[in-house]
C-alpha cells in the first residue's frame, strides 16, 4: 500500500510541476538527415537546441510534418530523460470547424424565398453536422435543412491548429542549453528511378543514364539535409495509425545539376544510395539526382506476339498484336552490373536526320546484378500477324486436336526478328509443325522467326497441329 501511495504521489507531483511550468520551445532544425524509401515514407533524424531547466519540463517542437507517425518518435539529449511524447494537430478544415460549432450560433447565407436571385443573412444555431448529409440549422423557431451559400463563424475555435506540434515531457539533471536529437518516420516522401536509354543508329548498342526522382508532398521542407535513398520493398505493417496525406496544390520540378554519383552499398536485403553533399527539399516539389551512367551496353530488339489458345472451335481469322521489345543484360560483361531500382525506362532512338526521338516507355521492377531487363516499347506498325484455325476435331471427352495457320506480313524494307508464343492449358503436344519451335515452359510453344520484307510478296506462313488433354 505504501508503494502505491508513493507512486500516486509521484504522479501528482509530476502533473503539478507540468501544469505550473512554462513550456520550452526548441530552436530551428540543424543537421537533418533524411532517408527515403520506395514505399512512400522516410526516416528523419534532426538536431534542435533547447534551453532546459533542471527537473521537469515540457519541450515543444514546431515545424513538424503533418504526415509524421507519432509512435515512431524518439528523442535524446545529454542529461535528459523523456517521460512522454504528445503529438497535437487538428487542422483547420470546414468539417473540423463545423463540428466545433454544433449547438452554437453562427451566420448562414440562405437563398431569399421572395427573390430567386437574392440572398439573405440569418442568424442560426447549428443543430448537427454530418459529412454525408450536411448541416441542420435552427433558424428562429424553425429547423432548416437545405441548400445554403456560405457560413460566417464569429471566431476560430481555440483547439484548431495551423501547424502540428510535438511536445516532450522531460526530466533534466541540470539546467543548460543542449542539443536534442530527434528521429521519426513520416509519410509524403517517396522516390523512384528514372532511366534514359539512348540506342545507336544500328540498334544494337545503347547508353544508359539512371536518375533518382524524389517527390515531396508532405508539406515539410528540409534545408541542407544529408540524403539517403533505400531501394527495395521494406515490409510495412498497415494496421497502425493512418497518416494524413497533404494536398499538393502545385509541383515544382527542379532538375539537379551534374554532380558526383551517390555511393551505393548493400543494406540487409536491399540497397542504399548515399547522395554526396547536402540537398534542399522544398515543401511540395520534385528533385532529381544522378544514380549512375553506363555506355557500350549491348541491346537486342525483337518483335513479340502472344496468343492464349482456347479449348473450342473457332471461325474466321484472328489478328494478333505485335509488340516491339528491347532487352539487355544487367551484367559487368555488358558494361553494367549495377543494382537497378524499379522505375520507368524511356527509350530514345535516332531518326534519319540523327535526331533522338522517344521510341517508347516501359516500367521495370527491381533488377539486381546479373538480371535481365525486358522492355515493351509499343505496338509494331509494319509487322502484322493473322491466324486461322484450319481444323478442329474431338479426340475424347477431355481431349481435342486443332491446327493453326499464322500469316506474318513485314512491310519494312529490312528483315525483322519476331517471336511467336502460343499458350495452352492442360497436357498438350505438338504433333506437326513446318517451322522450328521450342517449349520454354510447360504452358507455351515458341517460334523464333526472321521475317524478310514481304511487300509485293507472299507473307511468311507458320503451320502447326497440337493435341490437348484437359
Protein backbone atom coordinates (compact mmCIF):
# COMPACT_ATOMS: atom_id res chain seq x y z
CA UNK A 1 0.00 0.00 0.00
CA UNK A 2 2.82 2.40 0.85
CA UNK A 3 4.36 1.68 -2.55
CA UNK A 4 1.06 2.53 -4.34
CA UNK A 5 0.76 5.74 -2.33
CA UNK A 6 4.33 6.66 -3.25
CA UNK A 7 3.67 6.13 -6.97
CA UNK A 8 0.43 8.12 -6.84
CA UNK A 9 2.23 10.96 -5.02
CA UNK A 10 5.00 10.97 -7.63
CA UNK A 11 2.42 11.14 -10.44
CA UNK A 12 0.58 14.01 -8.79
CA UNK A 13 3.89 15.84 -8.27
CA UNK A 14 4.71 15.38 -11.96
CA UNK A 15 1.31 16.68 -13.09
CA UNK A 16 1.53 19.65 -10.72
CA UNK A 17 5.01 20.56 -11.95
CA UNK A 18 3.97 20.39 -15.58
CA UNK A 19 0.80 22.41 -15.08
CA UNK A 20 2.64 25.31 -13.48
CA UNK A 21 5.84 25.31 -15.57
CA UNK A 22 6.21 27.28 -18.77
CA UNK A 23 6.84 25.23 -21.94
CA UNK A 24 10.31 25.30 -23.50
CA UNK A 25 10.36 25.86 -27.27
CA UNK A 26 13.07 24.07 -29.24
CA UNK A 27 15.04 26.02 -31.82
CA UNK A 28 15.32 25.58 -35.57
CA UNK A 29 16.49 22.38 -37.23
CA UNK A 30 20.18 21.75 -37.78
CA UNK A 31 21.98 18.71 -39.13
CA UNK A 32 18.95 16.98 -40.65
CA UNK A 33 19.41 13.52 -42.16
CA UNK A 34 16.64 12.14 -44.42
CA UNK A 35 16.43 8.50 -45.55
CA UNK A 36 13.70 7.97 -48.16
CA UNK A 37 12.14 4.60 -49.01
CA UNK A 38 10.37 3.45 -52.18
CA UNK A 39 7.24 2.80 -50.11
CA UNK A 40 6.40 6.49 -49.61
CA UNK A 41 7.84 7.19 -46.18
CA UNK A 42 11.08 8.49 -44.77
CA UNK A 43 13.23 8.25 -41.65
CA UNK A 44 14.19 11.73 -40.43
CA UNK A 45 16.96 12.47 -37.90
CA UNK A 46 17.48 16.08 -36.85
CA UNK A 47 19.00 18.16 -34.08
CA UNK A 48 17.42 21.16 -32.34
CA UNK A 49 18.79 23.23 -29.48
CA UNK A 50 16.75 23.92 -26.33
CA UNK A 51 17.46 25.61 -23.02
CA UNK A 52 16.23 23.09 -20.49
CA UNK A 53 15.55 23.81 -16.81
CA UNK A 54 16.51 21.47 -14.05
CA UNK A 55 13.79 18.96 -13.24
CA UNK A 56 10.54 18.62 -15.16
CA UNK A 57 9.87 20.45 -18.43
CA UNK A 58 7.62 20.43 -21.49
CA UNK A 59 9.72 20.81 -24.64
CA UNK A 60 7.68 21.99 -27.64
CA UNK A 61 8.77 21.34 -31.24
CA UNK A 62 7.24 23.33 -34.10
CA UNK A 63 7.77 22.77 -37.85
CA UNK A 64 6.75 19.13 -37.51
CA UNK A 65 5.39 17.33 -40.64
CA UNK A 66 1.66 16.63 -40.59
CA UNK A 67 2.42 13.17 -42.00
CA UNK A 68 4.56 12.12 -39.02
CA UNK A 69 3.99 8.76 -37.32
CA UNK A 70 3.88 9.86 -33.64
CA UNK A 71 4.51 6.30 -32.40
CA UNK A 72 7.93 6.32 -34.08
CA UNK A 73 9.25 9.47 -32.34
CA UNK A 74 12.47 9.05 -30.39
CA UNK A 75 14.37 11.86 -28.65
CA UNK A 76 17.59 12.05 -26.66
CA UNK A 77 19.96 14.60 -25.14
CA UNK A 78 22.72 14.54 -22.55
CA UNK A 79 21.25 14.55 -19.05
CA UNK A 80 17.65 14.46 -20.38
CA UNK A 81 15.12 11.71 -19.72
CA UNK A 82 11.99 11.53 -21.92
CA UNK A 83 8.89 10.60 -19.91
CA UNK A 84 6.22 11.19 -22.55
CA UNK A 85 5.55 12.22 -26.15
CA UNK A 86 2.45 14.10 -27.28
CA UNK A 87 1.51 14.96 -30.89
CA UNK A 88 -1.19 17.57 -31.48
CA UNK A 89 -2.67 18.52 -34.82
CA UNK A 90 -6.28 19.28 -35.60
CA UNK A 91 -6.12 21.12 -38.93
CA UNK A 92 -8.41 23.98 -39.88
CA UNK A 93 -10.96 22.46 -42.27
CA UNK A 94 -14.70 23.01 -42.93
CA UNK A 95 -15.68 19.77 -41.18
CA UNK A 96 -13.50 20.41 -38.13
CA UNK A 97 -14.82 23.97 -37.87
CA UNK A 98 -18.48 22.98 -38.05
CA UNK A 99 -18.11 20.07 -35.63
CA UNK A 100 -16.97 22.58 -33.01
CA UNK A 101 -19.93 24.90 -33.69
CA UNK A 102 -22.64 22.31 -33.02
CA UNK A 103 -25.03 23.92 -30.53
CA UNK A 104 -23.58 27.42 -31.18
CA UNK A 105 -24.78 30.43 -33.10
CA UNK A 106 -23.38 31.43 -36.48
CA UNK A 107 -24.46 33.34 -39.57
CA UNK A 108 -25.73 31.46 -42.61
CA UNK A 109 -26.26 32.94 -46.08
CA UNK A 110 -29.50 31.47 -47.44
CA UNK A 111 -31.49 31.86 -50.68
CA UNK A 112 -34.09 34.62 -50.38
CA UNK A 113 -37.55 32.95 -50.57
CA UNK A 114 -39.03 36.13 -52.12
CA UNK A 115 -36.40 36.60 -54.86
CA UNK A 116 -34.67 33.71 -56.69
CA UNK A 117 -31.64 35.89 -57.45
CA UNK A 118 -31.22 37.34 -53.95
CA UNK A 119 -29.58 36.07 -50.77
CA UNK A 120 -30.29 36.75 -47.11
CA UNK A 121 -28.15 36.66 -43.96
CA UNK A 122 -29.73 34.86 -41.00
CA UNK A 123 -28.56 34.07 -37.50
CA UNK A 124 -28.85 30.34 -36.86
CA UNK A 125 -27.89 27.66 -34.39
CA UNK A 126 -26.10 24.64 -35.80
CA UNK A 127 -28.05 21.62 -34.53
CA UNK A 128 -26.00 18.86 -36.11
CA UNK A 129 -23.28 18.25 -38.68
CA UNK A 130 -22.94 15.23 -40.97
CA UNK A 131 -20.22 14.82 -43.60
CA UNK A 132 -22.61 12.87 -45.80
CA UNK A 133 -25.88 14.82 -45.33
CA UNK A 134 -24.62 18.28 -44.36
CA UNK A 135 -25.61 20.60 -41.51
CA UNK A 136 -29.01 21.13 -39.86
CA UNK A 137 -29.85 24.68 -38.63
CA UNK A 138 -32.32 26.16 -36.19
CA UNK A 139 -33.38 29.49 -37.73
CA UNK A 140 -35.62 31.29 -35.25
CA UNK A 141 -38.10 28.61 -34.24
CA UNK A 142 -37.83 26.64 -37.49
CA UNK A 143 -35.48 23.80 -38.38
CA UNK A 144 -33.79 24.40 -41.72
CA UNK A 145 -32.42 21.55 -43.85
CA UNK A 146 -31.34 22.52 -47.35
CA UNK A 147 -29.01 24.49 -49.56
CA UNK A 148 -27.02 27.46 -48.31
CA UNK A 149 -24.45 29.80 -49.86
CA UNK A 150 -21.88 30.13 -47.08
CA UNK A 151 -21.36 30.21 -43.33
CA UNK A 152 -19.82 33.01 -41.26
CA UNK A 153 -18.27 31.95 -37.95
CA UNK A 154 -17.67 34.59 -35.24
CA UNK A 155 -14.26 33.21 -34.19
CA UNK A 156 -11.74 30.43 -34.74
CA UNK A 157 -12.05 27.56 -32.23
CA UNK A 158 -9.03 27.52 -29.93
CA UNK A 159 -8.24 23.81 -30.38
CA UNK A 160 -7.80 24.06 -34.16
CA UNK A 161 -4.18 24.45 -35.21
CA UNK A 162 -2.44 25.88 -38.23
CA UNK A 163 0.55 23.58 -37.77
CA UNK A 164 1.40 20.31 -35.99
CA UNK A 165 3.12 20.38 -32.61
CA UNK A 166 5.22 17.76 -30.85
CA UNK A 167 5.67 18.04 -27.07
CA UNK A 168 8.14 16.06 -24.97
CA UNK A 169 7.71 15.65 -21.24
CA UNK A 170 11.28 15.57 -19.92
CA UNK A 171 13.21 15.31 -16.69
CA UNK A 172 16.60 17.04 -16.76
CA UNK A 173 19.55 16.60 -14.45
CA UNK A 174 20.81 20.20 -14.76
CA UNK A 175 19.68 23.49 -16.28
CA UNK A 176 21.59 24.14 -19.50
CA UNK A 177 21.34 24.63 -23.23
CA UNK A 178 21.80 21.37 -25.08
CA UNK A 179 21.18 19.69 -28.42
CA UNK A 180 18.11 17.46 -28.61
CA UNK A 181 18.37 14.70 -31.19
CA UNK A 182 15.01 13.82 -32.70
CA UNK A 183 14.15 10.92 -35.03
CA UNK A 184 10.81 9.86 -36.55
CA UNK A 185 9.12 8.22 -39.53
CA UNK A 186 6.94 10.32 -41.81
CA UNK A 187 4.87 9.93 -44.97
CA UNK A 188 4.66 12.04 -48.10
CA UNK A 189 8.25 11.44 -49.23
CA UNK A 190 8.98 8.84 -51.88
CA UNK A 191 11.43 8.15 -54.66
CA UNK A 192 11.70 6.10 -57.81
CA UNK A 193 14.28 5.52 -60.51
CA UNK A 194 14.02 7.13 -63.96
CA UNK A 195 16.16 5.80 -66.78
CA UNK A 196 17.06 7.21 -70.19
CA UNK A 197 18.25 4.60 -72.69
CA UNK A 198 19.69 6.10 -75.91
CA UNK A 199 20.09 3.49 -78.69
CA UNK A 200 22.56 3.94 -81.56
CA UNK A 201 21.62 4.01 -85.26
CA UNK A 202 22.44 0.33 -85.72
CA UNK A 203 20.03 -0.51 -82.90
CA UNK A 204 22.41 -2.87 -81.10
CA UNK A 205 24.16 -0.64 -78.55
CA UNK A 206 22.97 1.97 -76.05
CA UNK A 207 23.90 4.47 -73.33
CA UNK A 208 22.01 4.36 -70.04
CA UNK A 209 21.54 7.28 -67.62
CA UNK A 210 19.92 6.45 -64.26
CA UNK A 211 18.32 9.15 -62.10
CA UNK A 212 16.60 9.11 -58.72
CA UNK A 213 13.39 11.14 -58.73
CA UNK A 214 12.38 12.32 -55.25
CA UNK A 215 8.79 13.54 -54.68
CA UNK A 216 7.85 15.53 -51.58
CA UNK A 217 4.13 16.09 -50.93
CA UNK A 218 4.40 16.19 -47.13
CA UNK A 219 4.22 19.96 -46.69
CA UNK A 220 7.53 19.92 -44.80
CA UNK A 221 10.74 21.09 -46.44
CA UNK A 222 14.33 20.29 -45.47
CA UNK A 223 17.29 22.62 -45.95
CA UNK A 224 20.93 21.48 -46.22
CA UNK A 225 19.99 17.89 -45.36
CA UNK A 226 22.01 14.75 -45.97
CA UNK A 227 20.07 12.31 -48.11
CA UNK A 228 19.95 8.51 -48.40
CA UNK A 229 17.73 6.51 -50.76
CA UNK A 230 16.77 2.91 -49.93
CA UNK A 231 15.87 0.69 -52.90
CA UNK A 232 13.66 -2.33 -52.25
CA UNK A 233 10.29 -3.21 -50.74
CA UNK A 234 10.80 -2.84 -46.99
CA UNK A 235 7.97 -4.56 -45.10
CA UNK A 236 5.43 -2.12 -43.71
CA UNK A 237 2.53 -3.05 -41.44
CA UNK A 238 -0.78 -1.42 -42.36
CA UNK A 239 -2.62 -1.85 -39.09
CA UNK A 240 -1.12 1.21 -37.39
CA UNK A 241 -2.13 4.84 -37.39
CA UNK A 242 -3.12 6.18 -40.79
CA UNK A 243 -1.09 9.20 -41.78
CA UNK A 244 -2.79 12.25 -43.20
CA UNK A 245 -1.80 12.92 -46.78
CA UNK A 246 -1.11 16.53 -47.64
CA UNK A 247 -2.89 18.04 -50.63
CA UNK A 248 -0.49 19.10 -53.35
CA UNK A 249 -1.52 22.40 -54.86
CA UNK A 250 1.40 22.56 -57.28
CA UNK A 251 4.55 20.61 -58.06
CA UNK A 252 7.86 22.33 -58.65
CA UNK A 253 10.20 20.43 -60.98
CA UNK A 254 13.88 21.13 -60.40
CA UNK A 255 16.50 19.21 -62.38
CA UNK A 256 19.62 18.70 -60.33
CA UNK A 257 22.91 19.87 -61.80
CA UNK A 258 25.53 17.34 -62.72
CA UNK A 259 27.17 16.13 -59.52
CA UNK A 260 29.21 13.22 -58.18
CA UNK A 261 27.22 10.00 -58.21
CA UNK A 262 25.82 8.58 -54.95
CA UNK A 263 27.71 5.84 -53.13
CA UNK A 264 25.82 2.56 -53.41
CA UNK A 265 26.09 -0.26 -50.89
CA UNK A 266 24.17 -3.35 -49.83
CA UNK A 267 21.89 -2.89 -46.81
CA UNK A 268 20.23 -6.04 -45.39
CA UNK A 269 18.39 -7.45 -48.44
CA UNK A 270 18.14 -4.00 -50.01
CA UNK A 271 20.41 -1.33 -51.47
CA UNK A 272 21.06 2.17 -50.15
CA UNK A 273 22.37 5.19 -52.05
CA UNK A 274 24.13 7.97 -50.12
CA UNK A 275 23.83 11.23 -52.06
CA UNK A 276 27.03 13.30 -51.77
CA UNK A 277 26.88 16.75 -50.20
CA UNK A 278 23.69 18.35 -48.92
CA UNK A 279 20.34 18.90 -50.62
CA UNK A 280 17.37 21.21 -50.26
CA UNK A 281 13.93 19.61 -50.44
CA UNK A 282 11.03 22.01 -50.95
CA UNK A 283 7.70 21.51 -49.16
CA UNK A 284 5.97 20.42 -52.37
CA UNK A 285 8.30 19.53 -55.20
CA UNK A 286 10.28 17.06 -57.25
CA UNK A 287 14.05 16.75 -57.30
CA UNK A 288 16.33 14.54 -59.37
CA UNK A 289 19.84 13.34 -58.66
CA UNK A 290 22.08 11.12 -60.77
CA UNK A 291 22.48 7.48 -59.71
CA UNK A 292 24.85 6.14 -62.36
CA UNK A 293 25.61 6.13 -66.09
CA UNK A 294 26.87 3.40 -68.44
CA UNK A 295 27.76 3.23 -72.13
CA UNK A 296 28.51 0.46 -74.61
CA UNK A 297 25.52 -1.62 -73.48
CA UNK A 298 24.61 -4.37 -75.95
CA UNK A 299 20.85 -4.42 -76.58
CA UNK A 300 18.60 -6.72 -78.58
CA UNK A 301 15.45 -5.54 -80.34
CA UNK A 302 12.72 -8.01 -81.13
CA UNK A 303 9.04 -8.15 -82.01
CA UNK A 304 6.83 -10.34 -79.83
CA UNK A 305 3.28 -11.64 -80.47
CA UNK A 306 1.45 -13.74 -77.87
CA UNK A 307 -1.78 -15.72 -78.10
CA UNK A 308 -3.75 -17.72 -75.49
CA UNK A 309 -5.45 -20.59 -77.32
CA UNK A 310 -8.83 -21.72 -76.06
CA UNK A 311 -10.34 -25.19 -75.95
CA UNK A 312 -13.03 -24.76 -78.60
CA UNK A 313 -13.59 -24.47 -82.31
CA UNK A 314 -13.04 -21.02 -83.75
CA UNK A 315 -14.07 -19.46 -87.04
CA UNK A 316 -12.62 -16.62 -89.05
CA UNK A 317 -9.16 -15.07 -88.91
CA UNK A 318 -7.83 -13.50 -85.71
CA UNK A 319 -5.47 -10.52 -85.76
CA UNK A 320 -2.78 -10.53 -83.07
CA UNK A 321 -0.99 -7.59 -81.52
CA UNK A 322 2.72 -7.39 -82.29
CA UNK A 323 4.71 -5.61 -79.57
CA UNK A 324 8.15 -4.07 -80.02
CA UNK A 325 10.53 -5.19 -77.25
CA UNK A 326 14.09 -4.44 -76.20
CA UNK A 327 16.22 -6.48 -73.82
CA UNK A 328 19.69 -6.20 -72.32
CA UNK A 329 21.70 -7.92 -69.62
CA UNK A 330 22.50 -6.09 -66.38
CA UNK A 331 26.00 -7.57 -66.11
CA UNK A 332 29.58 -6.35 -65.85
CA UNK A 333 30.29 -8.12 -69.15
CA UNK A 334 27.67 -5.83 -70.69
CA UNK A 335 29.18 -2.64 -69.14
CA UNK A 336 26.58 -2.62 -66.33
CA UNK A 337 26.23 -4.88 -63.27
CA UNK A 338 24.65 -2.18 -61.05
CA UNK A 339 21.56 -2.66 -58.88
CA UNK A 340 18.70 -1.16 -60.91
CA UNK A 341 15.82 0.03 -58.66
CA UNK A 342 12.28 -0.14 -60.01
CA UNK A 343 11.20 2.77 -62.16
CA UNK A 344 10.45 4.00 -65.66
CA UNK A 345 12.74 3.48 -68.65
CA UNK A 346 12.42 5.92 -71.54
CA UNK A 347 13.97 4.65 -74.77
CA UNK A 348 15.21 7.07 -77.43
CA UNK A 349 16.25 6.12 -80.96
CA UNK A 350 17.61 8.24 -83.83
CA UNK A 351 15.51 9.35 -86.79
CA UNK A 352 17.02 9.56 -90.30
CA UNK A 353 18.42 13.03 -89.55
CA UNK A 354 20.06 11.82 -86.33
CA UNK A 355 17.54 13.49 -84.05
CA UNK A 356 16.82 11.31 -80.99
CA UNK A 357 13.08 10.64 -80.60
CA UNK A 358 11.10 8.85 -77.91
CA UNK A 359 10.59 5.24 -79.05
CA UNK A 360 8.69 4.01 -76.00
CA UNK A 361 8.41 3.86 -72.23
CA UNK A 362 8.33 0.79 -70.01
CA UNK A 363 8.26 0.20 -66.26
CA UNK A 364 10.64 -2.27 -64.65
CA UNK A 365 10.82 -3.90 -61.25
CA UNK A 366 14.00 -4.13 -59.21
CA UNK A 367 16.71 -5.76 -61.35
CA UNK A 368 19.79 -6.97 -59.50
CA UNK A 369 23.26 -7.51 -60.95
CA UNK A 370 23.19 -10.43 -63.37
CA UNK A 371 19.49 -9.96 -64.18
CA UNK A 372 17.88 -9.16 -67.50
CA UNK A 373 15.95 -6.00 -68.35
CA UNK A 374 12.92 -6.57 -70.60
CA UNK A 375 11.17 -3.53 -72.07
CA UNK A 376 7.94 -3.37 -74.07
CA UNK A 377 8.02 -0.23 -76.23
CA UNK A 378 4.73 -0.27 -78.13
CA UNK A 379 2.77 -1.88 -80.94
CA UNK A 380 4.53 -2.55 -84.25
CA UNK A 381 3.24 -0.59 -87.22
CA UNK A 382 4.58 -2.51 -90.24
CA UNK A 383 4.63 -6.10 -88.97
CA UNK A 384 1.30 -7.92 -88.53
CA UNK A 385 0.22 -11.42 -87.56
CA UNK A 386 -3.09 -13.03 -88.51
CA UNK A 387 -4.06 -16.58 -87.52
CA UNK A 388 -6.74 -19.01 -88.65
CA UNK A 389 -7.85 -22.32 -87.20
CA UNK A 390 -7.67 -24.70 -90.16
CA UNK A 391 -9.02 -27.83 -88.43
CA UNK A 392 -10.55 -28.97 -85.16
CA UNK A 393 -11.66 -32.43 -84.01
CA UNK A 394 -12.53 -34.07 -80.71
CA UNK A 395 -10.32 -36.98 -79.68
CA UNK A 396 -12.17 -37.87 -76.49
CA UNK A 397 -14.27 -36.41 -73.71
CA UNK A 398 -11.47 -34.13 -72.48
CA UNK A 399 -9.12 -34.03 -75.46
CA UNK A 400 -9.02 -32.48 -78.93
CA UNK A 401 -6.73 -31.72 -81.85
CA UNK A 402 -6.54 -28.47 -83.75
CA UNK A 403 -4.37 -26.93 -86.47
CA UNK A 404 -3.29 -23.31 -86.87
CA UNK A 405 -2.03 -21.27 -89.77
CA UNK A 406 -0.26 -18.00 -88.88
CA UNK A 407 0.36 -15.44 -91.62
CA UNK A 408 3.13 -12.87 -90.96
CA UNK A 409 3.49 -9.66 -93.01
CA UNK A 410 6.62 -7.46 -92.85
CA UNK A 411 6.08 -4.09 -94.52
CA UNK A 412 9.58 -2.84 -93.71
CA UNK A 413 12.49 -2.93 -96.15
CA UNK A 414 14.69 -4.90 -93.75
CA UNK A 415 14.23 -8.34 -92.10
CA UNK A 416 12.56 -8.31 -88.68
CA UNK A 417 13.11 -10.64 -85.71
CA UNK A 418 9.74 -11.95 -84.48
CA UNK A 419 8.91 -14.28 -81.58
CA UNK A 420 5.51 -16.03 -81.74
CA UNK A 421 4.35 -17.55 -78.44
CA UNK A 422 1.17 -19.60 -78.02
CA UNK A 423 -0.09 -20.65 -74.58
CA UNK A 424 -2.01 -23.85 -73.71
CA UNK A 425 -3.56 -25.27 -70.54
CA UNK A 426 -3.56 -28.93 -69.53
CA UNK A 427 -1.39 -31.53 -71.21
CA UNK A 428 -0.51 -30.78 -74.82
CA UNK A 429 1.84 -31.90 -77.56
CA UNK A 430 2.83 -30.52 -80.97
CA UNK A 431 2.27 -33.35 -83.45
CA UNK A 432 3.24 -31.47 -86.61
CA UNK A 433 4.92 -28.14 -87.45
CA UNK A 434 6.54 -26.72 -90.59
CA UNK A 435 8.82 -24.34 -88.62
CA UNK A 436 11.37 -24.95 -85.90
CA UNK A 437 9.90 -24.40 -82.42
CA UNK A 438 10.81 -24.66 -78.73
CA UNK A 439 8.99 -25.23 -75.45
CA UNK A 440 10.34 -22.64 -72.95
CA UNK A 441 7.97 -23.90 -70.22
CA UNK A 442 5.04 -26.23 -69.59
CA UNK A 443 2.46 -23.80 -70.96
CA UNK A 444 3.94 -22.33 -74.13
CA UNK A 445 5.27 -23.14 -77.59
CA UNK A 446 7.60 -20.61 -79.21
CA UNK A 447 8.58 -19.84 -82.80
CA UNK A 448 11.57 -17.54 -83.35
CA UNK A 449 11.42 -16.16 -86.89
CA UNK A 450 13.45 -13.88 -89.09
CA UNK A 451 10.78 -12.36 -91.32
CA UNK A 452 12.02 -10.99 -94.67
CA UNK A 453 10.36 -8.00 -96.36
CA UNK A 454 7.01 -9.15 -97.80
CA UNK A 455 5.84 -6.01 -99.67
CA UNK A 456 4.57 -7.25 -103.05
CA UNK A 457 5.30 -10.85 -102.00
CA UNK A 458 3.53 -13.64 -100.18
CA UNK A 459 3.55 -13.44 -96.38
CA UNK A 460 5.53 -15.85 -94.23
CA UNK A 461 3.28 -18.68 -93.00
CA UNK A 462 3.65 -20.91 -89.92
CA UNK A 463 1.51 -24.07 -89.74
CA UNK A 464 1.31 -26.47 -86.80
CA UNK A 465 -1.02 -29.00 -85.18
CA UNK A 466 -1.43 -29.53 -81.44
CA UNK A 467 -3.21 -32.15 -79.36
CA UNK A 468 -4.55 -31.05 -75.96
CA UNK A 469 -5.93 -33.02 -72.98
CA UNK A 470 -7.53 -31.06 -70.14
